[in-house]
Amino acid sequence: MMERILKKENPRLFDLAFSFIQDSLAKELPWLDHILPCAERLVKHINGKRIYTPNIYVGANEYEQILPDADGIGNYSFFVLSEPQETSHDVGGMVKVRCPFSLIVWLDIRTVDVEDIRDRESVKLAILRALKRTWMRHGSFTVSEIYERAENVFKGFSTDEIDNQYLMQPYCGFRFAGKIEIEEDCEL
């Protein structure tokens, strides 16, 4: 059984930044069953076709797939880092690293109660409020785009293998895309 908040051990750089966002999501969105760290994109070859899936490392060289039809995963969120990662160095040993990122949230709208309302726009607003209330040490982030169609929410991953029922009402998902920047003292 996966923990509600799964964080990387000894997080650094973006993993540390994501841990602050995870804390805010956990506090503000009690209906999220699992708040996961940054996913890794794994590739499988099935019938000569490449299938890309989001996966979370769970230890002992094991990964757990986190597509919407994964057994018992419930309502969940995870992060995706995009490329390139840009860096700049300041006098005094501070380095800044920034790149595009996304927060992906997938849920069954029937299990979500936001201010006694169960609809997509209320859920979207609740997530935006949780993101706005995030305090982040040594970094910042902005969200500039929101995607709702399954092919955009899971962009970069193969959705052909997902049972269609998980890609339509009462299930829904969001991809909150933007930029994240971290600042770290490299002189330590």
C-alpha atoms as a PDB file:
ATOM      1  CA  MET A   1       0.000   0.000   0.000  1.00  0.00           C
ATOM      2  CA  MET A   2       1.389   3.368  -1.023  1.00  0.00           C
ATOM      3  CA  GLU A   3       1.636   6.150   1.564  1.00  0.00           C
ATOM      4  CA  ARG A   4      -0.621   9.201   1.214  1.00  0.00           C
ATOM      5  CA  ILE A   5       2.369  11.522   0.834  1.00  0.00           C
ATOM      6  CA  LEU A   6       5.295   9.800  -0.813  1.00  0.00           C
ATOM      7  CA  LYS A   7       8.423  11.938  -0.724  1.00  0.00           C
ATOM      8  CA  LYS A   8      11.915  11.267  -1.945  1.00  0.00           C
ATOM      9  CA  GLU A   9      14.442  10.511   0.784  1.00  0.00           C
ATOM     10  CA  ASN A  10      16.959  13.313   1.334  1.00  0.00           C
ATOM     11  CA  PRO A  11      15.416  15.522  -1.366  1.00  0.00           C
ATOM     12  CA  ARG A  12      17.585  18.005  -3.213  1.00  0.00           C
ATOM     13  CA  LEU A  13      16.905  20.709  -5.788  1.00  0.00           C
ATOM     14  CA  PHE A  14      13.531  20.124  -7.500  1.00  0.00           C
ATOM     15  CA  ASP A  15      12.626  17.163  -5.283  1.00  0.00           C
ATOM     16  CA  LEU A  16      12.939  19.472  -2.265  1.00  0.00           C
ATOM     17  CA  ALA A  17      10.824  22.145  -3.964  1.00  0.00           C
ATOM     18  CA  PHE A  18       8.152  19.572  -4.808  1.00  0.00           C
ATOM     19  CA  SER A  19       8.054  18.440  -1.171  1.00  0.00           C
ATOM     20  CA  PHE A  20       6.825  21.911  -0.163  1.00  0.00           C
ATOM     21  CA  ILE A  21       4.067  21.743  -2.781  1.00  0.00           C
ATOM     22  CA  GLN A  22       3.172  18.225  -1.593  1.00  0.00           C
ATOM     23  CA  ASP A  23       2.761  19.551   1.971  1.00  0.00           C
ATOM     24  CA  SER A  24       0.394  22.275   0.764  1.00  0.00           C
ATOM     25  CA  LEU A  25      -1.657  19.826  -1.328  1.00  0.00           C
ATOM     26  CA  ALA A  26      -1.941  17.466   1.661  1.00  0.00           C
ATOM     27  CA  LYS A  27      -3.117  20.262   3.937  1.00  0.00           C
ATOM     28  CA  GLU A  28      -5.559  21.884   1.514  1.00  0.00           C
ATOM     29  CA  LEU A  29      -6.949  18.878  -0.409  1.00  0.00           C
ATOM     30  CA  PRO A  30      -7.992  16.087   1.972  1.00  0.00           C
ATOM     31  CA  TRP A  31      -9.669  14.179  -0.891  1.00  0.00           C
ATOM     32  CA  LEU A  32      -6.297  13.449  -2.519  1.00  0.00           C
ATOM     33  CA  ASP A  33      -5.542   9.829  -1.618  1.00  0.00           C
ATOM     34  CA  HIS A  34      -1.915   9.939  -2.828  1.00  0.00           C
ATOM     35  CA  ILE A  35       0.382  12.922  -3.257  1.00  0.00           C
ATOM     36  CA  LEU A  36       3.355  11.604  -5.174  1.00  0.00           C
ATOM     37  CA  PRO A  37       6.762  13.030  -6.077  1.00  0.00           C
ATOM     38  CA  CYS A  38       8.182  13.558  -9.550  1.00  0.00           C
ATOM     39  CA  ALA A  39       7.390  10.638 -11.845  1.00  0.00           C
ATOM     40  CA  GLU A  40       9.879   8.898 -14.063  1.00  0.00           C
ATOM     41  CA  ARG A  41       8.934   8.035 -17.618  1.00  0.00           C
ATOM     42  CA  LEU A  42       9.568   4.372 -18.319  1.00  0.00           C
ATOM     43  CA  VAL A  43       9.331   2.733 -21.724  1.00  0.00           C
ATOM     44  CA  LYS A  44       7.981  -0.734 -22.465  1.00  0.00           C
ATOM     45  CA  HIS A  45       7.998  -2.492 -25.809  1.00  0.00           C
ATOM     46  CA  ILE A  46       4.650  -4.188 -26.462  1.00  0.00           C
ATOM     47  CA  ASN A  47       3.967  -5.772 -29.865  1.00  0.00           C
ATOM     48  CA  GLY A  48       6.748  -3.699 -31.423  1.00  0.00           C
ATOM     49  CA  LYS A  49       5.294  -0.448 -30.082  1.00  0.00           C
ATOM     50  CA  ARG A  50       6.863   1.846 -27.491  1.00  0.00           C
ATOM     51  CA  ILE A  51       4.606   2.536 -24.511  1.00  0.00           C
ATOM     52  CA  TYR A  52       5.592   5.363 -22.141  1.00  0.00           C
ATOM     53  CA  THR A  53       4.189   5.282 -18.611  1.00  0.00           C
ATOM     54  CA  PRO A  54       4.561   7.502 -15.524  1.00  0.00           C
ATOM     55  CA  ASN A  55       6.094   5.550 -12.649  1.00  0.00           C
ATOM     56  CA  ILE A  56       7.124   6.203  -9.066  1.00  0.00           C
ATOM     57  CA  TYR A  57      10.175   4.528  -7.597  1.00  0.00           C
ATOM     58  CA  VAL A  58       9.037   2.656  -4.461  1.00  0.00           C
ATOM     59  CA  GLY A  59      12.389   1.128  -3.454  1.00  0.00           C
ATOM     60  CA  ALA A  60      14.295  -2.121  -3.939  1.00  0.00           C
ATOM     61  CA  ASN A  61      14.595  -1.464  -7.690  1.00  0.00           C
ATOM     62  CA  GLU A  62      10.782  -1.478  -7.976  1.00  0.00           C
ATOM     63  CA  TYR A  63       8.547   1.031  -9.746  1.00  0.00           C
ATOM     64  CA  GLU A  64       4.796   1.497  -9.491  1.00  0.00           C
ATOM     65  CA  GLN A  65       2.885   2.647 -12.557  1.00  0.00           C
ATOM     66  CA  ILE A  66       0.545   5.573 -11.903  1.00  0.00           C
ATOM     67  CA  LEU A  67      -1.833   5.712 -14.844  1.00  0.00           C
ATOM     68  CA  PRO A  68      -5.544   6.290 -14.097  1.00  0.00           C
ATOM     69  CA  ASP A  69      -6.456   2.626 -14.259  1.00  0.00           C
ATOM     70  CA  ALA A  70      -3.768   1.546 -11.803  1.00  0.00           C
ATOM     71  CA  ASP A  71      -5.269  -0.723  -9.161  1.00  0.00           C
ATOM     72  CA  GLY A  72      -6.624   1.159  -6.176  1.00  0.00           C
ATOM     73  CA  ILE A  73      -4.651   4.348  -6.656  1.00  0.00           C
ATOM     74  CA  GLY A  74      -7.703   6.585  -6.145  1.00  0.00           C
ATOM     75  CA  ASN A  75      -7.366  10.356  -6.408  1.00  0.00           C
ATOM     76  CA  TYR A  76      -3.729  11.287  -6.855  1.00  0.00           C
ATOM     77  CA  SER A  77      -1.195  13.852  -7.967  1.00  0.00           C
ATOM     78  CA  PHE A  78       2.362  13.749  -9.241  1.00  0.00           C
ATOM     79  CA  PHE A  79       4.935  16.032 -10.840  1.00  0.00           C
ATOM     80  CA  VAL A  80       6.706  15.966 -14.190  1.00  0.00           C
ATOM     81  CA  LEU A  81       9.885  17.894 -15.009  1.00  0.00           C
ATOM     82  CA  SER A  82      10.440  18.958 -18.602  1.00  0.00           C
ATOM     83  CA  GLU A  83      13.564  20.045 -20.390  1.00  0.00           C
ATOM     84  CA  PRO A  84      15.703  22.023 -20.701  1.00  0.00           C
ATOM     85  CA  GLN A  85      16.889  22.909 -17.237  1.00  0.00           C
ATOM     86  CA  GLU A  86      18.499  26.345 -17.361  1.00  0.00           C
ATOM     87  CA  THR A  87      21.122  27.391 -14.829  1.00  0.00           C
ATOM     88  CA  SER A  88      22.703  30.648 -13.736  1.00  0.00           C
ATOM     89  CA  HIS A  89      25.263  31.386 -11.064  1.00  0.00           C
ATOM     90  CA  ASP A  90      25.328  34.390  -8.775  1.00  0.00           C
ATOM     91  CA  VAL A  91      28.327  35.841  -7.018  1.00  0.00           C
ATOM     92  CA  GLY A  92      28.547  34.252  -3.596  1.00  0.00           C
ATOM     93  CA  GLY A  93      27.982  30.686  -4.645  1.00  0.00           C
ATOM     94  CA  MET A  94      24.239  30.683  -5.315  1.00  0.00           C
ATOM     95  CA  VAL A  95      23.089  28.714  -8.325  1.00  0.00           C
ATOM     96  CA  LYS A  96      19.617  28.990  -9.836  1.00  0.00           C
ATOM     97  CA  VAL A  97      18.051  26.192 -11.836  1.00  0.00           C
ATOM     98  CA  ARG A  98      14.725  26.612 -13.619  1.00  0.00           C
ATOM     99  CA  CYS A  99      12.684  24.529 -15.985  1.00  0.00           C
ATOM    100  CA  PRO A 100       9.161  23.769 -17.128  1.00  0.00           C
ATOM    101  CA  PHE A 101       7.183  21.511 -14.809  1.00  0.00           C
ATOM    102  CA  SER A 102       3.691  20.138 -14.448  1.00  0.00           C
ATOM    103  CA  LEU A 103       1.503  19.028 -11.589  1.00  0.00           C
ATOM    104  CA  ILE A 104      -0.874  16.307 -12.739  1.00  0.00           C
ATOM    105  CA  VAL A 105      -3.993  15.592 -10.680  1.00  0.00           C
ATOM    106  CA  TRP A 106      -6.364  12.719 -11.483  1.00  0.00           C
ATOM    107  CA  LEU A 107      -9.586  12.047  -9.579  1.00  0.00           C
ATOM    108  CA  ASP A 108     -13.040  10.569  -9.435  1.00  0.00           C
ATOM    109  CA  ILE A 109     -15.304  13.613  -9.117  1.00  0.00           C
ATOM    110  CA  ARG A 110     -17.846  11.540  -7.131  1.00  0.00           C
ATOM    111  CA  THR A 111     -15.351  11.278  -4.250  1.00  0.00           C
ATOM    112  CA  VAL A 112     -14.497  14.971  -4.055  1.00  0.00           C
ATOM    113  CA  ASP A 113     -16.424  17.442  -1.971  1.00  0.00           C
ATOM    114  CA  VAL A 114     -15.276  21.051  -2.335  1.00  0.00           C
ATOM    115  CA  GLU A 115     -17.431  23.451  -0.320  1.00  0.00           C
ATOM    116  CA  ASP A 116     -20.412  21.065  -0.731  1.00  0.00           C
ATOM    117  CA  ILE A 117     -20.010  21.169  -4.526  1.00  0.00           C
ATOM    118  CA  ARG A 118     -18.856  18.376  -6.821  1.00  0.00           C
ATOM    119  CA  ASP A 119     -17.820  19.823 -10.174  1.00  0.00           C
ATOM    120  CA  ARG A 120     -14.646  20.311 -12.211  1.00  0.00           C
ATOM    121  CA  GLU A 121     -14.403  24.068 -11.810  1.00  0.00           C
ATOM    122  CA  SER A 122     -14.682  23.896  -8.011  1.00  0.00           C
ATOM    123  CA  VAL A 123     -11.951  21.251  -7.924  1.00  0.00           C
ATOM    124  CA  LYS A 124      -9.751  23.331 -10.231  1.00  0.00           C
ATOM    125  CA  LEU A 125     -10.203  26.368  -7.988  1.00  0.00           C
ATOM    126  CA  ALA A 126      -9.366  24.342  -4.859  1.00  0.00           C
ATOM    127  CA  ILE A 127      -6.132  23.123  -6.467  1.00  0.00           C
ATOM    128  CA  LEU A 128      -5.200  26.647  -7.575  1.00  0.00           C
ATOM    129  CA  ARG A 129      -5.793  27.903  -4.022  1.00  0.00           C
ATOM    130  CA  ALA A 130      -3.592  25.132  -2.596  1.00  0.00           C
ATOM    131  CA  LEU A 131      -0.829  26.053  -5.028  1.00  0.00           C
ATOM    132  CA  LYS A 132      -1.164  29.743  -4.173  1.00  0.00           C
ATOM    133  CA  ARG A 133      -0.811  28.951  -0.455  1.00  0.00           C
ATOM    134  CA  THR A 134       2.412  27.012  -0.963  1.00  0.00           C
ATOM    135  CA  TRP A 135       5.388  28.412   0.871  1.00  0.00           C
ATOM    136  CA  MET A 136       8.646  27.347  -0.709  1.00  0.00           C
ATOM    137  CA  ARG A 137      12.088  27.814   0.772  1.00  0.00           C
ATOM    138  CA  HIS A 138      14.812  28.570  -1.800  1.00  0.00           C
ATOM    139  CA  GLY A 139      12.573  28.684  -4.816  1.00  0.00           C
ATOM    140  CA  SER A 140       9.371  29.694  -6.523  1.00  0.00           C
ATOM    141  CA  PHE A 141       7.016  28.517  -9.224  1.00  0.00           C
ATOM    142  CA  THR A 142       4.341  29.860 -11.506  1.00  0.00           C
ATOM    143  CA  VAL A 143       1.443  28.099 -13.172  1.00  0.00           C
ATOM    144  CA  SER A 144       0.662  29.558 -16.582  1.00  0.00           C
ATOM    145  CA  GLU A 145      -1.468  26.869 -18.251  1.00  0.00           C
ATOM    146  CA  ILE A 146      -4.112  24.339 -17.279  1.00  0.00           C
ATOM    147  CA  TYR A 147      -5.014  21.336 -19.424  1.00  0.00           C
ATOM    148  CA  GLU A 148      -8.076  19.126 -18.976  1.00  0.00           C
ATOM    149  CA  ARG A 149      -8.282  16.756 -21.965  1.00  0.00           C
ATOM    150  CA  ALA A 150      -6.775  13.352 -21.129  1.00  0.00           C
ATOM    151  CA  GLU A 151      -4.334  13.470 -24.052  1.00  0.00           C
ATOM    152  CA  ASN A 152      -3.001  16.798 -22.742  1.00  0.00           C
ATOM    153  CA  VAL A 153      -3.079  15.876 -19.056  1.00  0.00           C
ATOM    154  CA  PHE A 154      -0.935  12.815 -19.804  1.00  0.00           C
ATOM    155  CA  LYS A 155       1.115  14.391 -22.606  1.00  0.00           C
ATOM    156  CA  GLY A 156       4.377  12.494 -22.998  1.00  0.00           C
ATOM    157  CA  PHE A 157       2.791   9.267 -21.760  1.00  0.00           C
ATOM    158  CA  SER A 158       0.896   6.633 -23.737  1.00  0.00           C
ATOM    159  CA  THR A 159      -2.823   6.623 -23.017  1.00  0.00           C
ATOM    160  CA  ASP A 160      -3.735   4.011 -25.646  1.00  0.00           C
ATOM    161  CA  GLU A 161      -3.536   1.232 -23.066  1.00  0.00           C
ATOM    162  CA  ILE A 162      -5.845   2.952 -20.548  1.00  0.00           C
ATOM    163  CA  ASP A 163      -9.379   1.640 -20.365  1.00  0.00           C
ATOM    164  CA  ASN A 164     -11.585   4.362 -21.881  1.00  0.00           C
ATOM    165  CA  GLN A 165     -13.815   4.481 -18.794  1.00  0.00           C
ATOM    166  CA  TYR A 166     -10.972   6.118 -16.844  1.00  0.00           C
ATOM    167  CA  LEU A 167     -10.699   8.974 -19.344  1.00  0.00           C
ATOM    168  CA  MET A 168     -14.265  10.289 -19.081  1.00  0.00           C
ATOM    169  CA  GLN A 169     -16.848  11.345 -16.467  1.00  0.00           C
ATOM    170  CA  PRO A 170     -16.972  10.794 -13.540  1.00  0.00           C
ATOM    171  CA  TYR A 171     -13.161  10.766 -13.799  1.00  0.00           C
ATOM    172  CA  CYS A 172     -11.256  13.892 -14.643  1.00  0.00           C
ATOM    173  CA  GLY A 173      -7.791  15.265 -14.574  1.00  0.00           C
ATOM    174  CA  PHE A 174      -5.833  18.473 -14.737  1.00  0.00           C
ATOM    175  CA  ARG A 175      -2.319  19.377 -15.775  1.00  0.00           C
ATOM    176  CA  PHE A 176      -1.115  22.587 -14.147  1.00  0.00           C
ATOM    177  CA  ALA A 177       1.899  23.608 -16.233  1.00  0.00           C
ATOM    178  CA  GLY A 178       4.390  26.352 -15.575  1.00  0.00           C
ATOM    179  CA  LYS A 179       7.953  27.082 -14.529  1.00  0.00           C
ATOM    180  CA  ILE A 180       9.751  26.198 -11.339  1.00  0.00           C
ATOM    181  CA  GLU A 181      12.972  27.776 -10.097  1.00  0.00           C
ATOM    182  CA  ILE A 182      15.163  26.685  -7.255  1.00  0.00           C
ATOM    183  CA  GLU A 183      18.091  28.472  -5.684  1.00  0.00           C
ATOM    184  CA  GLU A 184      20.821  26.578  -3.917  1.00  0.00           C
ATOM    185  CA  ASP A 185      24.045  27.506  -2.186  1.00  0.00           C
ATOM    186  CA  CYS A 186      26.715  25.382  -3.836  1.00  0.00           C
ATOM    187  CA  GLU A 187      29.473  26.568  -1.490  1.00  0.00           C
ATOM    188  CA  LEU A 188      28.514  24.289   1.399  1.00  0.00           C
END
